[in-house]
Amino acid sequence: MGLRITNDFLHKYVLKATLPVALHNRYIVEGASTEERIVCISFDCDVDEDMERVPSLLDVLRDEKIHISFAIVGNLANKYPIRVKEILEKGHEIVNHSFSHPKNFGSIGCNQMEKEIRSFQTFMISEFGYRPEGFRAPHLMRKYSRILFRILKEEGLYDSSYVGRGILKIDDVVEVALTSCPEHYQVCFDYWHHFQLPLLKSSFNKFFNLWELLLSEEYFINVFLDSNLISDAFLKEMIRRVSEDFKFLRLKDIAKKFARTLTVHNL
């Protein structure tokens, strides 16, 4: 992985200088917040190590009595059917994360994008009798995609692939935005950009200070984590810091709750 320097000052200001340039064309979602305080946590499962972590994560979630969402790649769902069944049996949600997790998902052609999304839907229904209700793009989405929202509308799926705040309807599809980092609004608040970037990383203390800042300022927070990167103790600490006036919900619970009340935003 290479040497990384832990320096909160450099991490904050180097990213403040570089992200606006690197992500100058990122489509940032600005949606409605919720009247009640809600936290959504999801795990993206892209590699074998993610699926191997599932049993331990499920134990933590059982002990904490919360239900969350797992965005899983179709190839991994096919390879780890027992893990998929465990997730569903324990009341968690599985989100369509494409079938093969292409690196350039945002720029692939219409036919390939349709195949990635619809193959996952067909597979989950055929193998597990489960129809996923939402989608998250591999590596998230940077630009608005009319093609993506058309496919999702046809499949009846909500989306959670864009960074920003709140919930809105884009082209008649419910978008549950991944909450922006308080310091770097161009990226979502996650583990990866705090600890996995080349050369620089922030301290754990800094991460949890920002987490508490979000919890104090936002009514709706949507974060995703890479299951192979975080420890059980790290997840427990994130949950511990959430006050009792917050409610943990799955992404599909949010999408259903607001589907009828949101104003459609056509681009």
C-alpha atoms as a PDB file:
ATOM      1  CA  MET A   1       0.000   0.000   0.000  1.00  0.00           C
ATOM      2  CA  GLY A   2       3.019   2.332   0.489  1.00  0.00           C
ATOM      3  CA  LEU A   3       3.903   4.787   3.200  1.00  0.00           C
ATOM      4  CA  ARG A   4       1.284   7.337   4.222  1.00  0.00           C
ATOM      5  CA  ILE A   5       1.914  10.318   6.443  1.00  0.00           C
ATOM      6  CA  THR A   6      -0.743  11.051   9.056  1.00  0.00           C
ATOM      7  CA  ASN A   7      -1.166  14.809   9.054  1.00  0.00           C
ATOM      8  CA  ASP A   8      -4.587  16.385   9.495  1.00  0.00           C
ATOM      9  CA  PHE A   9      -3.490  19.842   8.354  1.00  0.00           C
ATOM     10  CA  LEU A  10      -1.880  18.634   5.134  1.00  0.00           C
ATOM     11  CA  HIS A  11      -4.706  16.185   4.418  1.00  0.00           C
ATOM     12  CA  LYS A  12      -7.287  18.953   4.736  1.00  0.00           C
ATOM     13  CA  TYR A  13      -5.540  21.641   2.712  1.00  0.00           C
ATOM     14  CA  VAL A  14      -3.878  19.515   0.036  1.00  0.00           C
ATOM     15  CA  LEU A  15      -7.290  18.058  -0.807  1.00  0.00           C
ATOM     16  CA  LYS A  16      -8.909  21.496  -0.614  1.00  0.00           C
ATOM     17  CA  ALA A  17      -6.436  22.632  -3.262  1.00  0.00           C
ATOM     18  CA  THR A  18      -6.570  19.593  -5.541  1.00  0.00           C
ATOM     19  CA  LEU A  19     -10.139  18.284  -5.431  1.00  0.00           C
ATOM     20  CA  PRO A  20     -11.802  21.361  -6.987  1.00  0.00           C
ATOM     21  CA  VAL A  21      -9.481  20.884  -9.969  1.00  0.00           C
ATOM     22  CA  ALA A  22      -9.671  17.088 -10.198  1.00  0.00           C
ATOM     23  CA  LEU A  23     -13.456  17.009  -9.712  1.00  0.00           C
ATOM     24  CA  HIS A  24     -14.403  20.383 -11.199  1.00  0.00           C
ATOM     25  CA  ASN A  25     -17.197  18.829 -13.268  1.00  0.00           C
ATOM     26  CA  ARG A  26     -18.702  16.588 -10.591  1.00  0.00           C
ATOM     27  CA  TYR A  27     -22.496  16.774 -10.407  1.00  0.00           C
ATOM     28  CA  ILE A  28     -23.318  17.614  -6.770  1.00  0.00           C
ATOM     29  CA  VAL A  29     -26.810  16.771  -5.575  1.00  0.00           C
ATOM     30  CA  GLU A  30     -28.725  19.291  -3.455  1.00  0.00           C
ATOM     31  CA  GLY A  31     -31.895  17.644  -2.224  1.00  0.00           C
ATOM     32  CA  ALA A  32     -34.406  17.906   0.584  1.00  0.00           C
ATOM     33  CA  SER A  33     -33.527  16.915   4.118  1.00  0.00           C
ATOM     34  CA  THR A  34     -35.736  14.943   6.478  1.00  0.00           C
ATOM     35  CA  GLU A  35     -37.831  16.211   9.376  1.00  0.00           C
ATOM     36  CA  GLU A  36     -36.680  13.367  11.595  1.00  0.00           C
ATOM     37  CA  ARG A  37     -33.017  12.600  12.167  1.00  0.00           C
ATOM     38  CA  ILE A  38     -31.910   9.634  10.050  1.00  0.00           C
ATOM     39  CA  VAL A  39     -28.628   7.836   9.392  1.00  0.00           C
ATOM     40  CA  CYS A  40     -28.134   5.400   6.523  1.00  0.00           C
ATOM     41  CA  ILE A  41     -24.996   3.247   6.531  1.00  0.00           C
ATOM     42  CA  SER A  42     -24.148   1.032   3.584  1.00  0.00           C
ATOM     43  CA  PHE A  43     -21.256  -1.237   2.679  1.00  0.00           C
ATOM     44  CA  ASP A  44     -19.925  -1.573  -0.852  1.00  0.00           C
ATOM     45  CA  CYS A  45     -18.764  -5.120  -1.579  1.00  0.00           C
ATOM     46  CA  ASP A  46     -16.472  -5.032  -4.611  1.00  0.00           C
ATOM     47  CA  VAL A  47     -13.805  -7.657  -3.848  1.00  0.00           C
ATOM     48  CA  ASP A  48     -13.502 -11.048  -2.151  1.00  0.00           C
ATOM     49  CA  GLU A  49     -12.170  -9.484   1.038  1.00  0.00           C
ATOM     50  CA  ASP A  50     -15.379  -7.468   1.373  1.00  0.00           C
ATOM     51  CA  MET A  51     -17.532 -10.594   1.292  1.00  0.00           C
ATOM     52  CA  GLU A  52     -15.259 -12.384   3.749  1.00  0.00           C
ATOM     53  CA  ARG A  53     -15.905  -9.595   6.269  1.00  0.00           C
ATOM     54  CA  VAL A  54     -19.684  -9.935   6.055  1.00  0.00           C
ATOM     55  CA  PRO A  55     -20.264 -12.453   8.913  1.00  0.00           C
ATOM     56  CA  SER A  56     -18.384 -10.341  11.434  1.00  0.00           C
ATOM     57  CA  LEU A  57     -20.147  -7.161  10.322  1.00  0.00           C
ATOM     58  CA  LEU A  58     -23.510  -8.891  10.612  1.00  0.00           C
ATOM     59  CA  ASP A  59     -22.679  -9.829  14.195  1.00  0.00           C
ATOM     60  CA  VAL A  60     -21.945  -6.193  15.041  1.00  0.00           C
ATOM     61  CA  LEU A  61     -25.152  -5.017  13.383  1.00  0.00           C
ATOM     62  CA  ARG A  62     -27.162  -7.675  15.237  1.00  0.00           C
ATOM     63  CA  ASP A  63     -25.686  -6.585  18.558  1.00  0.00           C
ATOM     64  CA  GLU A  64     -26.413  -2.931  17.762  1.00  0.00           C
ATOM     65  CA  LYS A  65     -29.940  -3.812  16.565  1.00  0.00           C
ATOM     66  CA  ILE A  66     -29.709  -1.849  13.330  1.00  0.00           C
ATOM     67  CA  HIS A  67     -30.364  -2.731   9.699  1.00  0.00           C
ATOM     68  CA  ILE A  68     -28.366  -1.347   6.797  1.00  0.00           C
ATOM     69  CA  SER A  69     -27.760  -1.796   3.065  1.00  0.00           C
ATOM     70  CA  PHE A  70     -25.102  -3.832   1.250  1.00  0.00           C
ATOM     71  CA  ALA A  71     -24.242  -2.829  -2.339  1.00  0.00           C
ATOM     72  CA  ILE A  72     -22.902  -6.040  -3.858  1.00  0.00           C
ATOM     73  CA  VAL A  73     -21.397  -6.848  -7.255  1.00  0.00           C
ATOM     74  CA  GLY A  74     -23.203  -9.637  -9.119  1.00  0.00           C
ATOM     75  CA  ASN A  75     -20.068 -11.711  -9.647  1.00  0.00           C
ATOM     76  CA  LEU A  76     -19.491 -11.754  -5.890  1.00  0.00           C
ATOM     77  CA  ALA A  77     -23.127 -12.540  -5.108  1.00  0.00           C
ATOM     78  CA  ASN A  78     -22.755 -15.523  -7.438  1.00  0.00           C
ATOM     79  CA  LYS A  79     -19.515 -16.586  -5.743  1.00  0.00           C
ATOM     80  CA  TYR A  80     -20.748 -16.131  -2.158  1.00  0.00           C
ATOM     81  CA  PRO A  81     -24.418 -17.213  -2.103  1.00  0.00           C
ATOM     82  CA  ILE A  82     -24.290 -18.118   1.584  1.00  0.00           C
ATOM     83  CA  ARG A  83     -23.203 -14.578   2.466  1.00  0.00           C
ATOM     84  CA  VAL A  84     -26.036 -13.143   0.375  1.00  0.00           C
ATOM     85  CA  LYS A  85     -28.576 -15.360   2.126  1.00  0.00           C
ATOM     86  CA  GLU A  86     -27.203 -14.361   5.545  1.00  0.00           C
ATOM     87  CA  ILE A  87     -27.577 -10.673   4.708  1.00  0.00           C
ATOM     88  CA  LEU A  88     -31.171 -11.119   3.580  1.00  0.00           C
ATOM     89  CA  GLU A  89     -32.156 -13.450   6.412  1.00  0.00           C
ATOM     90  CA  LYS A  90     -31.005 -10.859   8.954  1.00  0.00           C
ATOM     91  CA  GLY A  91     -33.220  -8.164   7.447  1.00  0.00           C
ATOM     92  CA  HIS A  92     -30.633  -6.103   5.601  1.00  0.00           C
ATOM     93  CA  GLU A  93     -30.973  -4.723   2.092  1.00  0.00           C
ATOM     94  CA  ILE A  94     -28.990  -5.722  -0.990  1.00  0.00           C
ATOM     95  CA  VAL A  95     -28.400  -2.947  -3.518  1.00  0.00           C
ATOM     96  CA  ASN A  96     -27.601  -3.497  -7.194  1.00  0.00           C
ATOM     97  CA  HIS A  97     -23.900  -2.604  -7.614  1.00  0.00           C
ATOM     98  CA  SER A  98     -23.718  -3.761 -11.270  1.00  0.00           C
ATOM     99  CA  PHE A  99     -22.872  -7.312 -12.284  1.00  0.00           C
ATOM    100  CA  SER A 100     -19.136  -7.019 -13.002  1.00  0.00           C
ATOM    101  CA  HIS A 101     -18.126  -3.628 -11.492  1.00  0.00           C
ATOM    102  CA  PRO A 102     -16.555  -2.012 -14.588  1.00  0.00           C
ATOM    103  CA  LYS A 103     -14.000   0.677 -13.779  1.00  0.00           C
ATOM    104  CA  ASN A 104     -15.394   3.107 -16.324  1.00  0.00           C
ATOM    105  CA  PHE A 105     -19.080   2.547 -15.587  1.00  0.00           C
ATOM    106  CA  GLY A 106     -19.994   6.215 -16.014  1.00  0.00           C
ATOM    107  CA  SER A 107     -18.769   6.277 -19.600  1.00  0.00           C
ATOM    108  CA  ILE A 108     -19.738   2.850 -20.923  1.00  0.00           C
ATOM    109  CA  GLY A 109     -22.315   2.619 -23.681  1.00  0.00           C
ATOM    110  CA  CYS A 110     -26.054   2.388 -23.178  1.00  0.00           C
ATOM    111  CA  ASN A 111     -26.268  -1.327 -24.029  1.00  0.00           C
ATOM    112  CA  GLN A 112     -23.490  -2.285 -21.634  1.00  0.00           C
ATOM    113  CA  MET A 113     -24.932  -0.147 -18.843  1.00  0.00           C
ATOM    114  CA  GLU A 114     -28.326  -1.782 -19.300  1.00  0.00           C
ATOM    115  CA  LYS A 115     -26.714  -5.233 -19.262  1.00  0.00           C
ATOM    116  CA  GLU A 116     -24.789  -4.516 -16.046  1.00  0.00           C
ATOM    117  CA  ILE A 117     -27.891  -3.343 -14.198  1.00  0.00           C
ATOM    118  CA  ARG A 118     -30.470  -5.746 -15.600  1.00  0.00           C
ATOM    119  CA  SER A 119     -28.240  -8.821 -15.339  1.00  0.00           C
ATOM    120  CA  PHE A 120     -27.913  -8.186 -11.619  1.00  0.00           C
ATOM    121  CA  GLN A 121     -31.668  -7.829 -11.212  1.00  0.00           C
ATOM    122  CA  THR A 122     -32.342 -11.032 -13.145  1.00  0.00           C
ATOM    123  CA  PHE A 123     -29.689 -12.954 -11.215  1.00  0.00           C
ATOM    124  CA  MET A 124     -30.936 -11.901  -7.772  1.00  0.00           C
ATOM    125  CA  ILE A 125     -34.536 -12.740  -8.608  1.00  0.00           C
ATOM    126  CA  SER A 126     -33.613 -16.089 -10.157  1.00  0.00           C
ATOM    127  CA  GLU A 127     -31.147 -17.248  -7.487  1.00  0.00           C
ATOM    128  CA  PHE A 128     -32.538 -15.713  -4.298  1.00  0.00           C
ATOM    129  CA  GLY A 129     -36.122 -14.699  -5.047  1.00  0.00           C
ATOM    130  CA  TYR A 130     -35.130 -11.154  -4.115  1.00  0.00           C
ATOM    131  CA  ARG A 131     -35.673  -8.049  -6.220  1.00  0.00           C
ATOM    132  CA  PRO A 132     -33.225  -5.253  -5.350  1.00  0.00           C
ATOM    133  CA  GLU A 133     -34.913  -1.856  -5.110  1.00  0.00           C
ATOM    134  CA  GLY A 134     -31.889   0.405  -5.503  1.00  0.00           C
ATOM    135  CA  PHE A 135     -28.671   0.941  -7.418  1.00  0.00           C
ATOM    136  CA  ARG A 136     -25.184   2.256  -6.691  1.00  0.00           C
ATOM    137  CA  ALA A 137     -22.743   2.769  -9.541  1.00  0.00           C
ATOM    138  CA  PRO A 138     -19.232   1.315  -9.366  1.00  0.00           C
ATOM    139  CA  HIS A 139     -16.874   4.074  -8.179  1.00  0.00           C
ATOM    140  CA  LEU A 140     -19.936   6.354  -7.940  1.00  0.00           C
ATOM    141  CA  MET A 141     -21.059   8.790 -10.638  1.00  0.00           C
ATOM    142  CA  ARG A 142     -19.329  12.070 -11.408  1.00  0.00           C
ATOM    143  CA  LYS A 143     -21.530  13.423 -14.199  1.00  0.00           C
ATOM    144  CA  TYR A 144     -25.273  13.469 -14.686  1.00  0.00           C
ATOM    145  CA  SER A 145     -26.288  10.530 -16.903  1.00  0.00           C
ATOM    146  CA  ARG A 146     -29.632  10.664 -18.664  1.00  0.00           C
ATOM    147  CA  ILE A 147     -29.059   7.079 -19.805  1.00  0.00           C
ATOM    148  CA  LEU A 148     -28.567   5.832 -16.255  1.00  0.00           C
ATOM    149  CA  PHE A 149     -31.701   7.502 -14.921  1.00  0.00           C
ATOM    150  CA  ARG A 150     -33.745   6.195 -17.863  1.00  0.00           C
ATOM    151  CA  ILE A 151     -32.641   2.629 -17.110  1.00  0.00           C
ATOM    152  CA  LEU A 152     -33.295   3.020 -13.397  1.00  0.00           C
ATOM    153  CA  LYS A 153     -36.751   4.436 -14.041  1.00  0.00           C
ATOM    154  CA  GLU A 154     -37.590   1.508 -16.327  1.00  0.00           C
ATOM    155  CA  GLU A 155     -36.373  -0.935 -13.674  1.00  0.00           C
ATOM    156  CA  GLY A 156     -38.152   0.878 -10.832  1.00  0.00           C
ATOM    157  CA  LEU A 157     -34.912   1.446  -8.898  1.00  0.00           C
ATOM    158  CA  TYR A 158     -33.867   4.330  -6.679  1.00  0.00           C
ATOM    159  CA  ASP A 159     -30.264   5.568  -6.974  1.00  0.00           C
ATOM    160  CA  SER A 160     -27.514   6.316  -4.463  1.00  0.00           C
ATOM    161  CA  SER A 161     -24.532   7.049  -6.723  1.00  0.00           C
ATOM    162  CA  TYR A 162     -24.099  10.814  -6.425  1.00  0.00           C
ATOM    163  CA  VAL A 163     -22.416  12.972  -3.811  1.00  0.00           C
ATOM    164  CA  GLY A 164     -24.204  15.850  -2.118  1.00  0.00           C
ATOM    165  CA  ARG A 165     -26.932  16.195   0.477  1.00  0.00           C
ATOM    166  CA  GLY A 166     -30.508  15.087   0.951  1.00  0.00           C
ATOM    167  CA  ILE A 167     -33.027  13.303  -1.240  1.00  0.00           C
ATOM    168  CA  LEU A 168     -34.624  14.386  -4.499  1.00  0.00           C
ATOM    169  CA  LYS A 169     -36.123  13.009  -7.701  1.00  0.00           C
ATOM    170  CA  ILE A 170     -34.013  13.235 -10.836  1.00  0.00           C
ATOM    171  CA  ASP A 171     -35.838  12.335 -14.043  1.00  0.00           C
ATOM    172  CA  ASP A 172     -38.502  10.674 -11.866  1.00  0.00           C
ATOM    173  CA  VAL A 173     -35.932   8.516 -10.042  1.00  0.00           C
ATOM    174  CA  VAL A 174     -35.395   8.937  -6.298  1.00  0.00           C
ATOM    175  CA  GLU A 175     -31.783   9.936  -5.631  1.00  0.00           C
ATOM    176  CA  VAL A 176     -30.519   9.317  -2.097  1.00  0.00           C
ATOM    177  CA  ALA A 177     -27.326  11.360  -2.112  1.00  0.00           C
ATOM    178  CA  LEU A 178     -24.175  10.244  -0.346  1.00  0.00           C
ATOM    179  CA  THR A 179     -23.417  12.946   2.192  1.00  0.00           C
ATOM    180  CA  SER A 180     -20.507  15.224   1.315  1.00  0.00           C
ATOM    181  CA  CYS A 181     -17.481  15.447   3.585  1.00  0.00           C
ATOM    182  CA  PRO A 182     -17.703  18.607   5.746  1.00  0.00           C
ATOM    183  CA  GLU A 183     -14.192  19.604   4.624  1.00  0.00           C
ATOM    184  CA  HIS A 184     -14.249  18.465   1.001  1.00  0.00           C
ATOM    185  CA  TYR A 185     -17.720  18.769  -0.504  1.00  0.00           C
ATOM    186  CA  GLN A 186     -16.678  17.231  -3.839  1.00  0.00           C
ATOM    187  CA  VAL A 187     -16.323  13.788  -2.217  1.00  0.00           C
ATOM    188  CA  CYS A 188     -18.560  11.843   0.112  1.00  0.00           C
ATOM    189  CA  PHE A 189     -17.765  11.349   3.764  1.00  0.00           C
ATOM    190  CA  ASP A 190     -16.145   7.923   3.755  1.00  0.00           C
ATOM    191  CA  TYR A 191     -13.236   5.878   5.060  1.00  0.00           C
ATOM    192  CA  TRP A 192     -11.352   5.725   1.785  1.00  0.00           C
ATOM    193  CA  HIS A 193     -10.596   9.396   1.193  1.00  0.00           C
ATOM    194  CA  HIS A 194      -9.519   9.833   4.804  1.00  0.00           C
ATOM    195  CA  PHE A 195      -7.214   6.837   5.076  1.00  0.00           C
ATOM    196  CA  GLN A 196      -6.488   5.206   1.699  1.00  0.00           C
ATOM    197  CA  LEU A 197      -5.220   8.026  -0.513  1.00  0.00           C
ATOM    198  CA  PRO A 198      -1.549   7.933  -1.586  1.00  0.00           C
ATOM    199  CA  LEU A 199       0.961   9.644   0.710  1.00  0.00           C
ATOM    200  CA  LEU A 200      -1.436  11.417   3.102  1.00  0.00           C
ATOM    201  CA  LYS A 201      -4.097  10.314   5.542  1.00  0.00           C
ATOM    202  CA  SER A 202      -6.010  11.895   8.379  1.00  0.00           C
ATOM    203  CA  SER A 203      -6.023  10.718  11.977  1.00  0.00           C
ATOM    204  CA  PHE A 204      -8.812   8.624  13.444  1.00  0.00           C
ATOM    205  CA  ASN A 205      -9.511  11.475  15.849  1.00  0.00           C
ATOM    206  CA  LYS A 206     -10.054  13.829  12.923  1.00  0.00           C
ATOM    207  CA  PHE A 207     -12.408  11.389  11.185  1.00  0.00           C
ATOM    208  CA  PHE A 208     -14.590  11.017  14.271  1.00  0.00           C
ATOM    209  CA  ASN A 209     -14.599  14.774  14.902  1.00  0.00           C
ATOM    210  CA  LEU A 210     -15.971  15.269  11.384  1.00  0.00           C
ATOM    211  CA  TRP A 211     -18.475  12.464  11.961  1.00  0.00           C
ATOM    212  CA  GLU A 212     -19.732  14.214  15.082  1.00  0.00           C
ATOM    213  CA  LEU A 213     -19.877  17.500  13.162  1.00  0.00           C
ATOM    214  CA  LEU A 214     -22.174  15.891  10.593  1.00  0.00           C
ATOM    215  CA  LEU A 215     -24.296  14.399  13.346  1.00  0.00           C
ATOM    216  CA  SER A 216     -24.673  17.807  14.980  1.00  0.00           C
ATOM    217  CA  GLU A 217     -25.496  19.728  11.782  1.00  0.00           C
ATOM    218  CA  GLU A 218     -27.394  17.350   9.497  1.00  0.00           C
ATOM    219  CA  TYR A 219     -30.805  15.738   9.832  1.00  0.00           C
ATOM    220  CA  PHE A 220     -30.159  13.159   7.110  1.00  0.00           C
ATOM    221  CA  ILE A 221     -26.786  11.448   6.707  1.00  0.00           C
ATOM    222  CA  ASN A 222     -25.963   8.780   4.133  1.00  0.00           C
ATOM    223  CA  VAL A 223     -22.484   7.205   4.300  1.00  0.00           C
ATOM    224  CA  PHE A 224     -20.919   4.188   2.654  1.00  0.00           C
ATOM    225  CA  LEU A 225     -17.958   2.163   3.882  1.00  0.00           C
ATOM    226  CA  ASP A 226     -15.680  -0.461   2.349  1.00  0.00           C
ATOM    227  CA  SER A 227     -16.218  -3.539   4.471  1.00  0.00           C
ATOM    228  CA  ASN A 228     -12.692  -4.919   4.025  1.00  0.00           C
ATOM    229  CA  LEU A 229     -11.088  -1.681   5.258  1.00  0.00           C
ATOM    230  CA  ILE A 230     -12.846  -0.993   8.555  1.00  0.00           C
ATOM    231  CA  SER A 231     -12.615  -3.013  11.728  1.00  0.00           C
ATOM    232  CA  ASP A 232     -15.521  -4.092  13.885  1.00  0.00           C
ATOM    233  CA  ALA A 233     -14.299  -1.666  16.538  1.00  0.00           C
ATOM    234  CA  PHE A 234     -14.337   1.210  14.037  1.00  0.00           C
ATOM    235  CA  LEU A 235     -17.936   0.449  13.043  1.00  0.00           C
ATOM    236  CA  LYS A 236     -18.997   0.156  16.672  1.00  0.00           C
ATOM    237  CA  GLU A 237     -17.434   3.531  17.434  1.00  0.00           C
ATOM    238  CA  MET A 238     -19.270   5.184  14.545  1.00  0.00           C
ATOM    239  CA  ILE A 239     -22.552   3.749  15.794  1.00  0.00           C
ATOM    240  CA  ARG A 240     -21.794   4.632  19.431  1.00  0.00           C
ATOM    241  CA  ARG A 241     -21.451   8.306  18.550  1.00  0.00           C
ATOM    242  CA  VAL A 242     -24.908   8.470  16.975  1.00  0.00           C
ATOM    243  CA  SER A 243     -27.301   9.942  19.520  1.00  0.00           C
ATOM    244  CA  GLU A 244     -30.608   8.310  20.391  1.00  0.00           C
ATOM    245  CA  ASP A 245     -32.621  10.935  18.524  1.00  0.00           C
ATOM    246  CA  PHE A 246     -31.335   9.466  15.251  1.00  0.00           C
ATOM    247  CA  LYS A 247     -32.981   6.525  13.547  1.00  0.00           C
ATOM    248  CA  PHE A 248     -31.030   4.001  11.439  1.00  0.00           C
ATOM    249  CA  LEU A 249     -32.783   3.120   8.184  1.00  0.00           C
ATOM    250  CA  ARG A 250     -31.957   1.155   5.064  1.00  0.00           C
ATOM    251  CA  LEU A 251     -31.672   3.086   1.824  1.00  0.00           C
ATOM    252  CA  LYS A 252     -34.827   1.520   0.443  1.00  0.00           C
ATOM    253  CA  ASP A 253     -36.765   2.682   3.511  1.00  0.00           C
ATOM    254  CA  ILE A 254     -35.781   6.274   2.723  1.00  0.00           C
ATOM    255  CA  ALA A 255     -36.579   5.915  -0.972  1.00  0.00           C
ATOM    256  CA  LYS A 256     -40.055   4.539  -0.216  1.00  0.00           C
ATOM    257  CA  LYS A 257     -40.719   7.112   2.465  1.00  0.00           C
ATOM    258  CA  PHE A 258     -40.100  10.079   0.164  1.00  0.00           C
ATOM    259  CA  ALA A 259     -40.971   8.718  -3.295  1.00  0.00           C
ATOM    260  CA  ARG A 260     -44.462  10.269  -3.347  1.00  0.00           C
ATOM    261  CA  THR A 261     -43.625  13.633  -1.813  1.00  0.00           C
ATOM    262  CA  LEU A 262     -40.524  14.694  -3.765  1.00  0.00           C
ATOM    263  CA  THR A 263     -40.675  17.136  -6.644  1.00  0.00           C
ATOM    264  CA  VAL A 264     -39.256  15.782  -9.904  1.00  0.00           C
ATOM    265  CA  HIS A 265     -36.057  17.530 -11.016  1.00  0.00           C
ATOM    266  CA  ASN A 266     -35.595  17.067 -14.785  1.00  0.00           C
ATOM    267  CA  LEU A 267     -32.209  17.896 -16.283  1.00  0.00           C
END
